[in-house]
Amino acid sequence: MPSREATVASAVGLHARPASLFVQEVARLDVPVKIHKEGKRAVDAKSMLGVMTLGARCGDVVTLTAEGDGAEEALDRLVAFLEIDHDAS
């Protein structure tokens, strides 16, 4: 199962608006994706509540995993998404 690490760039971390945007981005993909932060359980990346329970802050590193056709491309896309400050716009 492919995986990638990403550093959360949004100033408020994966909370509120950035978490919502991330979940929407994941929902556009055709592959199941999990997100994990050290010390926390991996959660379904399509779950707003799950993503927010990770408590990922700006600068935290999260691990994304995906499976199926297109998993590598999906992970690349999500890493790029997380490494943008969505609070700046």
C-alpha atoms as a PDB file:
ATOM      1  CA  MET A   1       0.000   0.000   0.000  1.00  0.00           C
ATOM      2  CA  PRO A   2       1.580   3.296  -1.080  1.00  0.00           C
ATOM      3  CA  SER A   3       2.076   6.024   1.507  1.00  0.00           C
ATOM      4  CA  ARG A   4       3.374   9.591   1.644  1.00  0.00           C
ATOM      5  CA  GLU A   5       4.234  12.040   4.388  1.00  0.00           C
ATOM      6  CA  ALA A   6       3.060  15.638   4.255  1.00  0.00           C
ATOM      7  CA  THR A   7       3.644  18.650   6.457  1.00  0.00           C
ATOM      8  CA  VAL A   8       0.441  20.512   7.303  1.00  0.00           C
ATOM      9  CA  ALA A   9       0.871  24.109   6.116  1.00  0.00           C
ATOM     10  CA  SER A  10      -2.440  25.722   7.085  1.00  0.00           C
ATOM     11  CA  ALA A  11      -2.045  28.123   9.997  1.00  0.00           C
ATOM     12  CA  VAL A  12      -4.863  26.489  11.998  1.00  0.00           C
ATOM     13  CA  GLY A  13      -3.773  22.984  11.012  1.00  0.00           C
ATOM     14  CA  LEU A  14      -6.395  20.488   9.894  1.00  0.00           C
ATOM     15  CA  HIS A  15      -9.241  22.224  11.673  1.00  0.00           C
ATOM     16  CA  ALA A  16     -12.391  23.935  10.435  1.00  0.00           C
ATOM     17  CA  ARG A  17     -12.025  25.277   6.867  1.00  0.00           C
ATOM     18  CA  PRO A  18      -8.745  23.531   5.894  1.00  0.00           C
ATOM     19  CA  ALA A  19     -10.067  20.195   7.182  1.00  0.00           C
ATOM     20  CA  SER A  20     -13.298  20.669   5.248  1.00  0.00           C
ATOM     21  CA  LEU A  21     -11.415  21.509   2.056  1.00  0.00           C
ATOM     22  CA  PHE A  22      -9.141  18.485   2.541  1.00  0.00           C
ATOM     23  CA  VAL A  23     -12.095  16.115   3.047  1.00  0.00           C
ATOM     24  CA  GLN A  24     -13.745  17.521  -0.090  1.00  0.00           C
ATOM     25  CA  GLU A  25     -10.535  16.956  -2.052  1.00  0.00           C
ATOM     26  CA  VAL A  26     -10.351  13.350  -0.843  1.00  0.00           C
ATOM     27  CA  ALA A  27     -14.009  12.796  -1.767  1.00  0.00           C
ATOM     28  CA  ARG A  28     -13.175  13.705  -5.390  1.00  0.00           C
ATOM     29  CA  LEU A  29     -10.754  10.778  -5.612  1.00  0.00           C
ATOM     30  CA  ASP A  30     -11.660   7.240  -6.634  1.00  0.00           C
ATOM     31  CA  VAL A  31      -9.424   5.546  -4.057  1.00  0.00           C
ATOM     32  CA  PRO A  32      -9.792   4.947  -0.321  1.00  0.00           C
ATOM     33  CA  VAL A  33      -7.401   7.150   1.661  1.00  0.00           C
ATOM     34  CA  LYS A  34      -6.372   7.012   5.314  1.00  0.00           C
ATOM     35  CA  ILE A  35      -4.600   9.760   7.242  1.00  0.00           C
ATOM     36  CA  HIS A  36      -2.483   9.202  10.331  1.00  0.00           C
ATOM     37  CA  LYS A  37      -0.603  11.379  12.790  1.00  0.00           C
ATOM     38  CA  GLU A  38       1.993   9.943  15.155  1.00  0.00           C
ATOM     39  CA  GLY A  39       0.345   8.887  18.399  1.00  0.00           C
ATOM     40  CA  LYS A  40      -3.121   8.713  16.800  1.00  0.00           C
ATOM     41  CA  ARG A  41      -5.048   6.031  14.988  1.00  0.00           C
ATOM     42  CA  ALA A  42      -5.325   6.186  11.197  1.00  0.00           C
ATOM     43  CA  VAL A  43      -8.707   7.542  10.106  1.00  0.00           C
ATOM     44  CA  ASP A  44     -10.716   7.607   6.902  1.00  0.00           C
ATOM     45  CA  ALA A  45      -9.656  10.804   5.142  1.00  0.00           C
ATOM     46  CA  LYS A  46     -13.255  11.303   3.894  1.00  0.00           C
ATOM     47  CA  SER A  47     -14.427  11.718   7.502  1.00  0.00           C
ATOM     48  CA  MET A  48     -14.464  15.337   8.674  1.00  0.00           C
ATOM     49  CA  LEU A  49     -14.788  14.252  12.303  1.00  0.00           C
ATOM     50  CA  GLY A  50     -11.995  11.701  11.910  1.00  0.00           C
ATOM     51  CA  VAL A  51      -9.632  14.228  10.327  1.00  0.00           C
ATOM     52  CA  MET A  52     -10.328  16.797  13.035  1.00  0.00           C
ATOM     53  CA  THR A  53      -9.762  14.264  15.840  1.00  0.00           C
ATOM     54  CA  LEU A  54      -6.158  13.902  14.680  1.00  0.00           C
ATOM     55  CA  GLY A  55      -5.452  17.369  16.056  1.00  0.00           C
ATOM     56  CA  ALA A  56      -2.933  18.031  13.275  1.00  0.00           C
ATOM     57  CA  ARG A  57      -1.426  21.505  13.697  1.00  0.00           C
ATOM     58  CA  CYS A  58       0.571  23.685  11.362  1.00  0.00           C
ATOM     59  CA  GLY A  59       3.972  22.057  10.907  1.00  0.00           C
ATOM     60  CA  ASP A  60       2.829  18.578  11.977  1.00  0.00           C
ATOM     61  CA  VAL A  61       3.715  15.674   9.722  1.00  0.00           C
ATOM     62  CA  VAL A  62       0.901  13.342   8.726  1.00  0.00           C
ATOM     63  CA  THR A  63       1.066  10.084   6.799  1.00  0.00           C
ATOM     64  CA  LEU A  64      -1.365   9.342   3.994  1.00  0.00           C
ATOM     65  CA  THR A  65      -2.018   5.857   2.643  1.00  0.00           C
ATOM     66  CA  ALA A  66      -4.157   4.795  -0.290  1.00  0.00           C
ATOM     67  CA  GLU A  67      -4.887   1.637  -2.203  1.00  0.00           C
ATOM     68  CA  GLY A  68      -6.137   0.728  -5.625  1.00  0.00           C
ATOM     69  CA  ASP A  69      -5.634   2.043  -9.126  1.00  0.00           C
ATOM     70  CA  GLY A  70      -4.507   5.644  -9.033  1.00  0.00           C
ATOM     71  CA  ALA A  71      -3.283   5.510  -5.425  1.00  0.00           C
ATOM     72  CA  GLU A  72       0.125   7.005  -6.198  1.00  0.00           C
ATOM     73  CA  GLU A  73      -1.352   9.929  -8.119  1.00  0.00           C
ATOM     74  CA  ALA A  74      -3.994  10.514  -5.442  1.00  0.00           C
ATOM     75  CA  LEU A  75      -1.348  10.655  -2.725  1.00  0.00           C
ATOM     76  CA  ASP A  76       0.793  13.075  -4.727  1.00  0.00           C
ATOM     77  CA  ARG A  77      -2.233  15.327  -5.173  1.00  0.00           C
ATOM     78  CA  LEU A  78      -3.147  15.222  -1.471  1.00  0.00           C
ATOM     79  CA  VAL A  79       0.412  15.905  -0.298  1.00  0.00           C
ATOM     80  CA  ALA A  80       0.518  18.986  -2.537  1.00  0.00           C
ATOM     81  CA  PHE A  81      -2.859  20.040  -1.148  1.00  0.00           C
ATOM     82  CA  LEU A  82      -1.787  19.735   2.496  1.00  0.00           C
ATOM     83  CA  GLU A  83       1.420  21.647   1.893  1.00  0.00           C
ATOM     84  CA  ILE A  84      -0.498  24.811   0.935  1.00  0.00           C
ATOM     85  CA  ASP A  85      -1.709  27.274   3.576  1.00  0.00           C
ATOM     86  CA  HIS A  86      -5.463  27.281   2.919  1.00  0.00           C
ATOM     87  CA  ASP A  87      -5.954  29.950   5.578  1.00  0.00           C
ATOM     88  CA  ALA A  88      -3.973  32.469   3.532  1.00  0.00           C
ATOM     89  CA  SER A  89      -6.597  32.686   0.780  1.00  0.00           C
END
